[in-house]
């Protein structure tokens, strides 16, 4: 049975606070008061209106995600209070390796509570893999490393949250990574901070930025409300299931449980995003092609109206009609955001595709981390990043694969994933190259013809047939003059349209990107063919997923600002 539950919009709440909490029940009540009253006031009027519309429509649930280091005291109290809201998810952000971190808890009861909360986190973030003692035996150095680790955890929480709840007495930090330091960092990053303290009312820090942003809700809601019939989605899933699990000769190695997991939890969302991406891509490409063709045709009609007075009325009328069609097509393409919807859904499709193969192999995929230089094109607040995170969070913990199973899955990954991607990029390189060369050849014809026509036109203007010239020659002279004038008016417009088509479709850049991507995949294919142990197989899978993520982000950066320009 297909599992297509709507994706919620989650308000991400980070936690920072002191370990000493005198009255956990009172603090928990303050947290709930902050969630009910303080957080809604942090949204801008436009965002609040968006939230109200989503709640009224009922297609997209509004929920929470709490990020906490799960240290004793405030971290756990706030986490539990937020988790009392139905559907809330917990992201544990751990500053130290497990062995080191457990040493910070005073009792076995505290360690048990920590493990209970940690079990609620789908993929805890361990910021340090090695124990501190492995790096230094010096107590002073070790203490510095611990302080730096807590500071890194606090900053990670801030960077991945929408709002920070700080259980803070207002006093300066007593050490690196203390609550005061994390609050200061949050304010520097423009993150709203809600300060709580026992026995006081919830305090909203006056130094907050411009408030919370619900812009991702629009994209999530649009994704949830796509008018795709369940039967259509089910048919798409069946076709994908066949391509993944029956068509490859090596598919027999896939465990039945992995196939069931992919069919239920990943393919429905893949189908949703893929069908939307294809429809919007076709709309965007069709609109661009028609606009550039009609632009040149409109110039031709105007030229006919100028050069042939008897055809002026139909010529200019046709030009007007074409301009109206161009305007409508341009307005419609921009109104429905076909280009934006295409590239965003395509990005989501490619990430889910990678997640499918990683899930089959029992390996966690690369989280979508946005590198600083990509900030103008993508952020961690983008709706497709949130949707992908939500889809992956719904999966159970992946078990990995045994040595024998990894060997069989190795062959499957190379056949169904890597080889398929190599063929895709080779075909993409060839296809984009052919289209680019066709446009280049058309442009190469247009320019010399226009130059020749202009030169011949000058010669005709230098020689005017006299009264004694034969009528047939005078008629030919007039016809040639009009024809050359028509070419002089129309062909530059054709050249501009051809250049517009090339810029609109980015044939050259896409060709070069695929030409660069295929060799990288072929290298990984060779390396994976020689991988004989599970650790090496897992490492190469993670490399492949990383490459695919960066390639898709690079494509997103390239295509996000492509526009249809009619001039």
Protein backbone atom coordinates (compact mmCIF):
# COMPACT_ATOMS: atom_id res chain seq x y z
CA UNK A 1 0.00 0.00 0.00
CA UNK A 2 1.33 3.44 -0.95
CA UNK A 3 2.29 5.64 1.97
CA UNK A 4 1.70 9.23 0.87
CA UNK A 5 1.05 11.17 4.04
CA UNK A 6 1.26 14.96 3.63
CA UNK A 7 4.57 16.59 4.47
CA UNK A 8 4.23 18.92 7.49
CA UNK A 9 5.75 22.35 7.85
CA UNK A 10 7.90 22.12 10.95
CA UNK A 11 8.92 25.06 13.11
CA UNK A 12 12.46 24.18 14.17
CA UNK A 13 13.11 24.97 17.84
CA UNK A 14 16.68 24.95 19.12
CA UNK A 15 17.52 24.54 22.80
CA UNK A 16 20.28 26.07 24.95
CA UNK A 17 20.31 26.30 28.71
CA UNK A 18 21.78 25.60 32.11
CA UNK A 19 22.17 22.14 33.58
CA UNK A 20 20.71 23.17 36.95
CA UNK A 21 16.92 23.28 36.84
CA UNK A 22 15.26 23.69 40.25
CA UNK A 23 11.67 23.11 39.11
CA UNK A 24 11.44 21.09 35.86
CA UNK A 25 7.62 21.14 35.90
CA UNK A 26 7.50 24.95 36.09
CA UNK A 27 10.05 25.23 33.30
CA UNK A 28 8.10 22.80 31.16
CA UNK A 29 4.98 24.92 31.64
CA UNK A 30 6.94 28.00 30.52
CA UNK A 31 8.14 26.17 27.40
CA UNK A 32 4.57 25.25 26.46
CA UNK A 33 3.48 28.83 27.07
CA UNK A 34 6.26 30.04 24.76
CA UNK A 35 5.20 27.59 22.05
CA UNK A 36 1.55 28.62 22.29
CA UNK A 37 1.97 32.37 22.57
CA UNK A 38 5.51 33.66 21.99
CA UNK A 39 6.50 31.72 18.87
CA UNK A 40 3.39 32.65 16.82
CA UNK A 41 4.10 36.33 17.47
CA UNK A 42 7.56 35.99 15.99
CA UNK A 43 6.22 35.37 12.48
CA UNK A 44 5.76 38.32 10.16
CA UNK A 45 2.16 39.25 9.23
CA UNK A 46 2.58 37.63 5.80
CA UNK A 47 3.92 34.42 7.34
CA UNK A 48 1.12 34.34 9.94
CA UNK A 49 -1.41 34.70 7.15
CA UNK A 50 0.27 31.85 5.29
CA UNK A 51 0.11 29.66 8.38
CA UNK A 52 -3.56 30.50 8.90
CA UNK A 53 -4.38 29.61 5.28
CA UNK A 54 -2.53 26.30 5.56
CA UNK A 55 -4.37 25.41 8.76
CA UNK A 56 -7.71 26.30 7.17
CA UNK A 57 -7.02 24.28 4.02
CA UNK A 58 -5.88 21.27 6.03
CA UNK A 59 -3.52 19.92 3.37
CA UNK A 60 -0.28 20.69 5.22
CA UNK A 61 0.03 20.03 8.96
CA UNK A 62 1.94 22.52 11.13
CA UNK A 63 4.28 20.77 13.53
CA UNK A 64 7.62 21.12 15.36
CA UNK A 65 11.17 19.83 15.28
CA UNK A 66 13.29 20.28 18.40
CA UNK A 67 17.10 20.32 18.26
CA UNK A 68 18.82 19.56 21.54
CA UNK A 69 22.14 18.30 22.85
CA UNK A 70 20.14 16.29 25.46
CA UNK A 71 22.44 17.39 28.26
CA UNK A 72 21.09 17.25 31.80
CA UNK A 73 18.75 20.03 32.85
CA UNK A 74 17.28 22.51 30.39
CA UNK A 75 18.14 20.58 27.22
CA UNK A 76 16.01 17.64 28.27
CA UNK A 77 13.19 19.56 29.91
CA UNK A 78 12.63 21.73 26.83
CA UNK A 79 12.92 18.74 24.50
CA UNK A 80 10.29 16.79 26.43
CA UNK A 81 7.96 19.80 26.56
CA UNK A 82 8.13 20.28 22.78
CA UNK A 83 7.77 16.53 22.18
CA UNK A 84 4.42 16.64 23.99
CA UNK A 85 3.04 18.25 20.83
CA UNK A 86 1.77 15.46 18.52
CA UNK A 87 4.00 14.72 15.56
CA UNK A 88 7.07 16.54 16.90
CA UNK A 89 10.47 15.17 15.85
CA UNK A 90 13.69 15.28 17.83
CA UNK A 91 17.11 15.97 16.34
CA UNK A 92 19.83 15.13 18.85
CA UNK A 93 23.02 17.17 18.36
CA UNK A 94 25.78 15.56 20.42
CA UNK A 95 29.00 17.48 21.09
CA UNK A 96 31.17 14.50 22.05
CA UNK A 97 31.69 10.86 21.20
CA UNK A 98 29.34 8.56 23.12
CA UNK A 99 31.93 7.43 25.65
CA UNK A 100 32.99 10.97 26.51
CA UNK A 101 29.47 12.35 26.61
CA UNK A 102 28.13 9.75 29.03
CA UNK A 103 30.87 10.74 31.49
CA UNK A 104 29.16 14.13 31.83
CA UNK A 105 26.02 12.58 33.33
CA UNK A 106 25.98 12.22 37.09
CA UNK A 107 23.95 9.05 37.58
CA UNK A 108 22.80 5.88 35.91
CA UNK A 109 19.28 7.31 35.92
CA UNK A 110 20.53 10.32 33.94
CA UNK A 111 22.27 8.05 31.45
CA UNK A 112 19.11 5.98 31.04
CA UNK A 113 17.05 9.14 30.42
CA UNK A 114 19.60 10.27 27.84
CA UNK A 115 19.41 6.93 26.00
CA UNK A 116 15.60 7.04 26.00
CA UNK A 117 15.57 10.48 24.41
CA UNK A 118 18.36 9.61 22.00
CA UNK A 119 16.31 6.66 20.74
CA UNK A 120 13.66 9.14 19.58
CA UNK A 121 16.11 10.83 17.18
CA UNK A 122 16.07 9.29 13.68
CA UNK A 123 19.64 10.33 12.87
CA UNK A 124 21.57 11.89 15.75
CA UNK A 125 24.34 14.28 14.77
CA UNK A 126 27.60 13.28 16.47
CA UNK A 127 29.93 16.23 15.99
CA UNK A 128 32.94 14.27 17.23
CA UNK A 129 33.65 10.69 16.26
CA UNK A 130 36.85 10.24 18.34
CA UNK A 131 37.21 10.30 22.09
CA UNK A 132 39.15 13.26 23.42
CA UNK A 133 41.71 11.00 25.12
CA UNK A 134 42.72 9.71 21.69
CA UNK A 135 43.83 13.21 20.73
CA UNK A 136 45.57 14.40 23.88
CA UNK A 137 46.62 13.15 27.32
CA UNK A 138 47.03 16.66 28.71
CA UNK A 139 44.13 17.58 31.07
CA UNK A 140 44.23 21.24 30.06
CA UNK A 141 44.09 20.40 26.38
CA UNK A 142 41.28 17.94 26.99
CA UNK A 143 39.27 20.57 28.86
CA UNK A 144 39.73 22.98 25.94
CA UNK A 145 38.59 20.36 23.47
CA UNK A 146 35.44 19.72 25.52
CA UNK A 147 34.61 23.42 25.69
CA UNK A 148 35.10 23.77 21.94
CA UNK A 149 32.89 20.75 21.37
CA UNK A 150 30.05 22.25 23.41
CA UNK A 151 30.41 25.54 21.57
CA UNK A 152 30.26 23.73 18.20
CA UNK A 153 27.11 21.88 19.29
CA UNK A 154 25.43 25.10 20.39
CA UNK A 155 26.28 26.83 17.12
CA UNK A 156 25.04 23.83 15.11
CA UNK A 157 21.72 23.99 16.96
CA UNK A 158 21.40 27.71 16.22
CA UNK A 159 22.36 27.31 12.54
CA UNK A 160 19.71 24.62 11.96
CA UNK A 161 16.87 26.20 13.97
CA UNK A 162 14.24 28.83 13.29
CA UNK A 163 14.08 30.04 16.88
CA UNK A 164 16.20 29.41 19.98
CA UNK A 165 14.66 28.77 23.39
CA UNK A 166 17.30 29.72 25.94
CA UNK A 167 16.88 28.75 29.58
CA UNK A 168 19.24 31.41 30.87
CA UNK A 169 19.64 33.37 34.09
CA UNK A 170 21.03 36.37 32.21
CA UNK A 171 24.52 36.08 33.62
CA UNK A 172 27.71 35.89 31.48
CA UNK A 173 28.93 32.48 30.37
CA UNK A 174 31.21 30.70 32.83
CA UNK A 175 33.07 28.90 30.05
CA UNK A 176 33.42 28.55 26.34
CA UNK A 177 30.20 27.26 24.81
CA UNK A 178 28.06 28.44 27.74
CA UNK A 179 24.45 29.52 27.36
CA UNK A 180 25.23 33.26 27.22
CA UNK A 181 27.73 32.69 24.42
CA UNK A 182 25.23 30.64 22.40
CA UNK A 183 22.53 33.29 22.89
CA UNK A 184 24.95 35.95 21.65
CA UNK A 185 25.79 33.82 18.63
CA UNK A 186 22.07 33.34 17.86
CA UNK A 187 21.46 37.09 17.94
CA UNK A 188 24.48 37.68 15.71
CA UNK A 189 23.00 35.25 13.19
CA UNK A 190 19.66 37.05 13.30
CA UNK A 191 17.95 34.13 15.03
CA UNK A 192 14.99 35.01 17.29
CA UNK A 193 15.62 34.07 20.93
CA UNK A 194 13.01 33.32 23.58
CA UNK A 195 14.55 33.55 27.03
CA UNK A 196 13.01 31.54 29.85
CA UNK A 197 13.87 31.36 33.49
CA UNK A 198 12.24 29.55 36.37
CA UNK A 199 9.64 31.52 38.24
CA UNK A 200 9.39 34.18 35.51
CA UNK A 201 7.11 34.61 32.57
CA UNK A 202 8.33 33.72 29.11
CA UNK A 203 10.52 36.56 27.91
CA UNK A 204 10.87 37.47 24.27
CA UNK A 205 14.33 38.90 23.72
CA UNK A 206 14.02 42.47 22.43
CA UNK A 207 17.04 42.01 20.16
CA UNK A 208 15.40 39.53 17.82
CA UNK A 209 15.80 39.92 14.07
CA UNK A 210 12.95 40.34 11.61
CA UNK A 211 11.11 37.34 12.96
CA UNK A 212 10.39 33.83 11.74
CA UNK A 213 10.08 32.97 8.08
CA UNK A 214 7.37 30.62 6.83
CA UNK A 215 8.26 30.94 3.14
CA UNK A 216 9.05 27.21 2.91
CA UNK A 217 5.43 26.49 3.81
CA UNK A 218 4.28 27.71 0.39
CA UNK A 219 6.41 25.14 -1.45
CA UNK A 220 5.51 22.32 0.93
CA UNK A 221 1.82 23.11 0.64
CA UNK A 222 2.07 23.23 -3.15
CA UNK A 223 3.80 19.83 -3.14
CA UNK A 224 1.10 18.31 -0.91
CA UNK A 225 -1.75 19.72 -2.99
CA UNK A 226 -0.61 18.69 -6.45
CA UNK A 227 -3.67 17.42 -8.36
CA UNK A 228 -2.33 13.93 -9.04
CA UNK A 229 -4.83 11.10 -8.93
CA UNK A 230 -3.91 8.20 -6.63
CA UNK A 231 -4.33 5.78 -9.54
CA UNK A 232 -1.88 7.80 -11.65
CA UNK A 233 0.64 7.85 -8.82
CA UNK A 234 0.18 4.11 -8.24
CA UNK A 235 0.81 3.37 -11.93
CA UNK A 236 3.99 5.44 -11.84
CA UNK A 237 5.16 3.57 -8.74
CA UNK A 238 4.53 0.22 -10.42
CA UNK A 239 6.63 1.26 -13.41
CA UNK A 240 9.44 2.46 -11.15
CA UNK A 241 9.24 -0.74 -9.12
CA UNK A 242 9.69 -2.74 -12.34
CA UNK A 243 12.66 -0.62 -13.43
CA UNK A 244 14.35 -0.92 -10.03
CA UNK A 245 13.57 -4.44 -8.92
CA UNK A 246 12.79 -6.53 -12.00
CA UNK A 247 14.55 -5.04 -14.99
CA UNK A 248 18.20 -5.14 -13.73
CA UNK A 249 19.75 -8.59 -14.02
CA UNK A 250 21.34 -8.17 -10.57
CA UNK A 251 18.09 -7.16 -8.82
CA UNK A 252 17.63 -10.63 -7.31
CA UNK A 253 20.11 -9.62 -4.60
CA UNK A 254 17.76 -7.02 -3.14
CA UNK A 255 16.14 -8.10 0.15
CA UNK A 256 12.35 -8.24 0.07
CA UNK A 257 12.17 -5.91 3.08
CA UNK A 258 14.21 -3.26 1.25
CA UNK A 259 11.94 -3.45 -1.79
CA UNK A 260 8.86 -3.10 0.40
CA UNK A 261 10.38 -0.12 2.23
CA UNK A 262 11.20 1.68 -1.02
CA UNK A 263 7.77 0.97 -2.53
CA UNK A 264 5.89 2.21 0.53
CA UNK A 265 7.97 5.11 1.78
CA UNK A 266 10.04 6.53 -1.10
CA UNK A 267 8.50 5.80 -4.49
CA UNK A 268 5.17 7.59 -3.83
CA UNK A 269 7.06 10.83 -3.14
CA UNK A 270 9.40 10.19 -6.06
CA UNK A 271 6.39 9.76 -8.33
CA UNK A 272 4.75 12.94 -7.02
CA UNK A 273 7.84 15.08 -7.55
CA UNK A 274 8.77 13.50 -10.89
CA UNK A 275 5.37 13.95 -12.51
CA UNK A 276 5.22 17.58 -11.44
CA UNK A 277 8.79 18.22 -12.63
CA UNK A 278 8.14 16.74 -16.07
CA UNK A 279 4.91 18.70 -16.59
CA UNK A 280 6.47 22.01 -15.53
CA UNK A 281 9.64 21.37 -17.55
CA UNK A 282 7.58 20.81 -20.68
CA UNK A 283 5.55 23.94 -19.98
CA UNK A 284 8.68 26.06 -19.51
CA UNK A 285 10.47 24.69 -22.58
CA UNK A 286 7.38 24.99 -24.77
CA UNK A 287 6.76 28.56 -23.63
CA UNK A 288 10.37 29.56 -24.35
CA UNK A 289 10.46 27.93 -27.77
CA UNK A 290 7.14 29.46 -28.83
CA UNK A 291 8.05 32.91 -27.61
CA UNK A 292 11.34 33.01 -29.53
CA UNK A 293 9.78 31.58 -32.72
CA UNK A 294 6.81 33.93 -32.54
CA UNK A 295 9.10 36.90 -31.89
CA UNK A 296 10.94 36.33 -35.17
CA UNK A 297 7.63 35.69 -36.95
CA UNK A 298 6.22 38.97 -35.61
CA UNK A 299 9.19 40.87 -37.05
CA UNK A 300 8.63 39.12 -40.39
CA UNK A 301 4.98 40.15 -40.42
CA UNK A 302 5.91 43.74 -39.62
CA UNK A 303 8.47 43.70 -42.43
CA UNK A 304 5.82 42.49 -44.87
CA UNK A 305 3.53 45.30 -43.74
CA UNK A 306 6.27 47.90 -44.32
CA UNK A 307 7.55 46.60 -47.65
CA UNK A 308 4.26 45.65 -49.25
CA UNK A 309 1.65 48.38 -48.65
CA UNK A 310 -1.16 46.24 -50.05
CA UNK A 311 -0.39 43.64 -47.33
CA UNK A 312 0.03 46.20 -44.56
CA UNK A 313 -3.30 45.47 -42.83
CA UNK A 314 -2.94 41.66 -42.63
CA UNK A 315 0.78 41.96 -41.91
CA UNK A 316 0.41 44.32 -38.96
CA UNK A 317 -2.70 42.48 -37.73
CA UNK A 318 -0.78 39.21 -37.68
CA UNK A 319 2.12 40.93 -35.92
CA UNK A 320 -0.29 42.23 -33.27
CA UNK A 321 -1.81 38.80 -32.81
CA UNK A 322 1.62 37.20 -32.38
CA UNK A 323 2.68 39.85 -29.88
CA UNK A 324 -0.49 39.23 -27.88
CA UNK A 325 0.22 35.48 -27.93
CA UNK A 326 3.80 36.15 -26.80
CA UNK A 327 2.58 38.35 -23.97
CA UNK A 328 0.03 35.79 -22.80
CA UNK A 329 2.56 32.95 -22.96
CA UNK A 330 5.13 34.97 -21.02
CA UNK A 331 2.58 36.06 -18.42
CA UNK A 332 1.26 32.53 -17.98
CA UNK A 333 4.75 31.00 -17.62
CA UNK A 334 5.63 33.53 -14.95
CA UNK A 335 2.27 33.34 -13.19
CA UNK A 336 2.37 29.56 -12.71
CA UNK A 337 6.12 29.65 -11.86
CA UNK A 338 6.70 26.72 -14.23
CA UNK A 339 10.46 27.23 -14.31
CA UNK A 340 10.84 27.45 -10.53
CA UNK A 341 8.55 24.48 -9.92
CA UNK A 342 10.43 22.39 -12.50
CA UNK A 343 13.93 22.85 -11.13
CA UNK A 344 12.88 22.57 -7.48
CA UNK A 345 10.89 19.39 -8.03
CA UNK A 346 13.70 18.02 -10.22
CA UNK A 347 16.18 18.62 -7.40
CA UNK A 348 13.89 16.74 -5.02
CA UNK A 349 13.51 13.88 -7.52
CA UNK A 350 17.26 13.41 -7.80
CA UNK A 351 17.75 13.39 -4.03
CA UNK A 352 14.98 10.81 -3.57
CA UNK A 353 16.51 8.71 -6.38
CA UNK A 354 19.80 8.60 -4.48
CA UNK A 355 17.97 7.85 -1.24
CA UNK A 356 16.29 4.87 -2.90
CA UNK A 357 19.59 3.19 -3.74
CA UNK A 358 21.08 4.07 -0.36
CA UNK A 359 18.04 2.58 1.40
CA UNK A 360 18.30 -0.59 -0.67
CA UNK A 361 21.88 -0.95 0.52
CA UNK A 362 21.00 -0.04 4.11
CA UNK A 363 23.26 3.04 4.17
CA UNK A 364 22.30 6.52 5.36
CA UNK A 365 22.53 9.08 2.53
CA UNK A 366 24.28 12.42 2.67
CA UNK A 367 22.18 15.11 4.42
CA UNK A 368 21.55 18.18 2.29
CA UNK A 369 24.13 20.61 3.59
CA UNK A 370 24.24 23.86 1.63
CA UNK A 371 27.79 25.11 1.12
CA UNK A 372 28.35 28.87 1.63
CA UNK A 373 28.99 29.61 -2.05
CA UNK A 374 25.57 28.12 -2.88
CA UNK A 375 23.74 30.48 -0.55
CA UNK A 376 22.40 32.67 -3.34
CA UNK A 377 20.80 29.64 -4.98
CA UNK A 378 19.76 27.34 -2.14
CA UNK A 379 19.38 27.50 1.62
CA UNK A 380 18.60 24.99 4.36
CA UNK A 381 15.19 26.69 4.57
CA UNK A 382 14.20 25.70 1.01
CA UNK A 383 11.02 23.68 0.94
CA UNK A 384 12.58 20.78 -1.00
CA UNK A 385 15.32 20.42 1.62
CA UNK A 386 12.66 20.22 4.31
CA UNK A 387 10.55 17.77 2.31
CA UNK A 388 13.52 15.50 1.69
CA UNK A 389 14.48 15.56 5.37
CA UNK A 390 10.92 14.68 6.33
CA UNK A 391 10.73 11.79 3.86
CA UNK A 392 13.98 10.31 5.11
CA UNK A 393 13.04 10.79 8.77
CA UNK A 394 10.04 8.52 8.26
CA UNK A 395 12.22 5.55 7.43
CA UNK A 396 13.30 3.15 10.18
CA UNK A 397 16.96 2.95 11.11
CA UNK A 398 18.85 1.20 8.32
CA UNK A 399 20.65 -2.04 9.26
CA UNK A 400 23.50 -1.94 6.72
CA UNK A 401 24.45 -5.10 4.83
CA UNK A 402 26.45 -8.20 5.60
CA UNK A 403 29.59 -9.13 3.70
CA UNK A 404 27.84 -11.52 1.32
CA UNK A 405 24.89 -9.23 0.81
CA UNK A 406 27.15 -6.22 0.15
CA UNK A 407 28.93 -8.12 -2.63
CA UNK A 408 25.63 -8.85 -4.36
CA UNK A 409 24.34 -5.30 -3.86
CA UNK A 410 27.64 -4.00 -5.22
CA UNK A 411 26.84 -5.51 -8.60
CA UNK A 412 23.30 -4.10 -8.44
CA UNK A 413 24.47 -0.57 -7.62
CA UNK A 414 26.98 -0.61 -10.46
CA UNK A 415 24.37 -1.83 -12.95
CA UNK A 416 21.22 -0.02 -11.90
CA UNK A 417 22.64 3.21 -10.50
CA UNK A 418 26.16 4.05 -11.66
CA UNK A 419 25.96 2.57 -15.15
CA UNK A 420 22.52 4.10 -15.63
CA UNK A 421 23.86 7.52 -14.64
CA UNK A 422 26.88 7.15 -16.92
CA UNK A 423 24.59 6.37 -19.86
CA UNK A 424 22.34 9.27 -18.90
CA UNK A 425 25.22 11.75 -18.90
CA UNK A 426 26.73 10.36 -22.11
CA UNK A 427 23.34 10.68 -23.80
CA UNK A 428 22.85 14.11 -22.26
CA UNK A 429 26.23 15.25 -23.54
CA UNK A 430 25.44 13.98 -27.04
CA UNK A 431 21.88 15.36 -27.08
CA UNK A 432 22.81 18.80 -25.78
CA UNK A 433 25.76 18.92 -28.17
CA UNK A 434 23.56 18.09 -31.15
CA UNK A 435 21.05 20.77 -30.25
CA UNK A 436 23.79 23.32 -29.62
CA UNK A 437 25.44 22.52 -32.96
CA UNK A 438 22.11 22.75 -34.77
CA UNK A 439 21.49 26.21 -33.35
CA UNK A 440 25.10 27.20 -34.09
CA UNK A 441 24.81 26.02 -37.70
CA UNK A 442 21.52 27.87 -38.11
CA UNK A 443 23.16 30.99 -36.73
CA UNK A 444 26.17 30.46 -39.00
CA UNK A 445 23.85 30.46 -42.00
CA UNK A 446 21.83 33.48 -40.89
CA UNK A 447 24.80 35.81 -40.39
CA UNK A 448 26.53 35.42 -43.80
CA UNK A 449 23.19 35.52 -45.61
CA UNK A 450 22.36 38.77 -43.83
CA UNK A 451 25.80 40.22 -44.66
CA UNK A 452 25.51 39.16 -48.31
CA UNK A 453 22.01 40.59 -48.50
CA UNK A 454 23.21 43.92 -47.07
CA UNK A 455 26.12 44.10 -49.53
CA UNK A 456 23.92 43.25 -52.50
CA UNK A 457 21.39 45.77 -51.30
CA UNK A 458 24.05 48.48 -51.41
CA UNK A 459 24.90 47.52 -54.98
CA UNK A 460 21.25 47.72 -55.98
CA UNK A 461 20.95 51.15 -54.40
CA UNK A 462 24.01 52.28 -56.38
CA UNK A 463 22.34 51.24 -59.63
CA UNK A 464 18.86 52.35 -60.45
CA UNK A 465 17.38 51.17 -63.79
CA UNK A 466 16.80 54.03 -66.18
CA UNK A 467 13.75 54.83 -68.29
CA UNK A 468 15.11 52.82 -71.17
CA UNK A 469 15.59 49.69 -69.09
CA UNK A 470 13.35 46.79 -69.95
CA UNK A 471 10.23 46.44 -67.85
CA UNK A 472 11.17 42.92 -66.81
CA UNK A 473 14.51 44.12 -65.48
CA UNK A 474 12.90 46.98 -63.58
CA UNK A 475 10.40 44.53 -62.06
CA UNK A 476 13.20 42.15 -61.08
CA UNK A 477 15.15 45.06 -59.56
CA UNK A 478 12.15 46.08 -57.43
CA UNK A 479 11.43 42.52 -56.32
CA UNK A 480 15.07 41.92 -55.42
CA UNK A 481 15.18 45.21 -53.53
CA UNK A 482 12.11 44.24 -51.48
CA UNK A 483 13.40 40.72 -50.87
CA UNK A 484 16.77 41.96 -49.66
CA UNK A 485 15.07 44.53 -47.43
CA UNK A 486 12.88 41.76 -46.02
CA UNK A 487 15.96 39.65 -45.25
CA UNK A 488 17.68 42.65 -43.65
CA UNK A 489 14.72 43.12 -41.32
CA UNK A 490 13.89 39.48 -40.54
CA UNK A 491 17.22 37.66 -40.32
CA UNK A 492 18.65 39.66 -37.38
CA UNK A 493 15.45 38.81 -35.49
CA UNK A 494 15.96 35.13 -36.36
CA UNK A 495 19.55 35.32 -35.12
CA UNK A 496 18.38 36.91 -31.86
CA UNK A 497 15.75 34.19 -31.43
CA UNK A 498 18.34 31.45 -32.00
CA UNK A 499 20.61 33.06 -29.41
CA UNK A 500 17.67 33.33 -27.04
CA UNK A 501 16.89 29.62 -27.48
CA UNK A 502 20.50 28.71 -26.70
CA UNK A 503 20.53 30.88 -23.57
CA UNK A 504 17.10 29.57 -22.53
CA UNK A 505 18.11 25.89 -22.77
CA UNK A 506 21.77 26.25 -21.63
CA UNK A 507 22.86 23.60 -24.15
CA UNK A 508 26.59 24.31 -23.94
CA UNK A 509 26.84 24.34 -20.16
CA UNK A 510 24.70 21.23 -19.78
CA UNK A 511 26.78 19.46 -22.41
CA UNK A 512 30.04 20.31 -20.61
CA UNK A 513 28.63 19.37 -17.19
CA UNK A 514 27.63 15.92 -18.42
CA UNK A 515 30.97 15.53 -20.21
CA UNK A 516 32.68 16.17 -16.86
CA UNK A 517 30.31 14.02 -14.79
CA UNK A 518 30.55 10.80 -16.82
CA UNK A 519 34.30 10.19 -16.21
CA UNK A 520 33.85 10.72 -12.47
CA UNK A 521 31.13 8.08 -12.42
CA UNK A 522 33.23 5.72 -14.51
CA UNK A 523 36.06 6.09 -11.99
CA UNK A 524 33.71 5.24 -9.14
CA UNK A 525 32.36 2.30 -11.12
CA UNK A 526 35.88 0.86 -11.42
CA UNK A 527 36.63 1.46 -7.76
CA UNK A 528 33.40 -0.15 -6.63
CA UNK A 529 34.03 -3.19 -8.84
CA UNK A 530 37.16 -3.87 -6.79
CA UNK A 531 35.51 -3.22 -3.40
CA UNK A 532 35.39 -6.55 -1.59
CA UNK A 533 34.54 -5.62 2.02
CA UNK A 534 31.45 -3.88 3.47
CA UNK A 535 33.41 -0.91 4.84
CA UNK A 536 34.89 -0.09 1.43
CA UNK A 537 31.52 -0.58 -0.25
CA UNK A 538 29.87 1.76 2.22
CA UNK A 539 32.60 4.37 1.78
CA UNK A 540 32.23 4.34 -2.00
CA UNK A 541 28.45 4.54 -1.70
CA UNK A 542 28.83 7.64 0.44
CA UNK A 543 31.24 9.13 -2.11
CA UNK A 544 28.76 8.43 -4.89
CA UNK A 545 25.92 10.02 -2.95
CA UNK A 546 28.11 13.07 -2.23
CA UNK A 547 29.00 13.45 -5.91
CA UNK A 548 25.35 13.14 -6.94
CA UNK A 549 24.30 15.72 -4.35
CA UNK A 550 26.91 18.25 -5.45
CA UNK A 551 26.11 17.65 -9.12
CA UNK A 552 22.42 18.27 -8.49
CA UNK A 553 23.15 21.40 -6.45
CA UNK A 554 25.43 22.62 -9.23
CA UNK A 555 22.62 22.06 -11.75
CA UNK A 556 20.25 23.94 -9.47
CA UNK A 557 22.66 26.89 -9.30
CA UNK A 558 22.95 26.89 -13.09
CA UNK A 559 19.26 26.63 -13.91
CA UNK A 560 17.68 28.65 -11.10
CA UNK A 561 18.18 31.99 -12.83
CA UNK A 562 17.43 30.98 -16.42
CA UNK A 563 14.62 33.17 -17.71
CA UNK A 564 12.48 33.57 -20.79
CA UNK A 565 13.33 37.01 -22.15
CA UNK A 566 11.16 38.48 -24.85
CA UNK A 567 12.43 41.73 -26.29
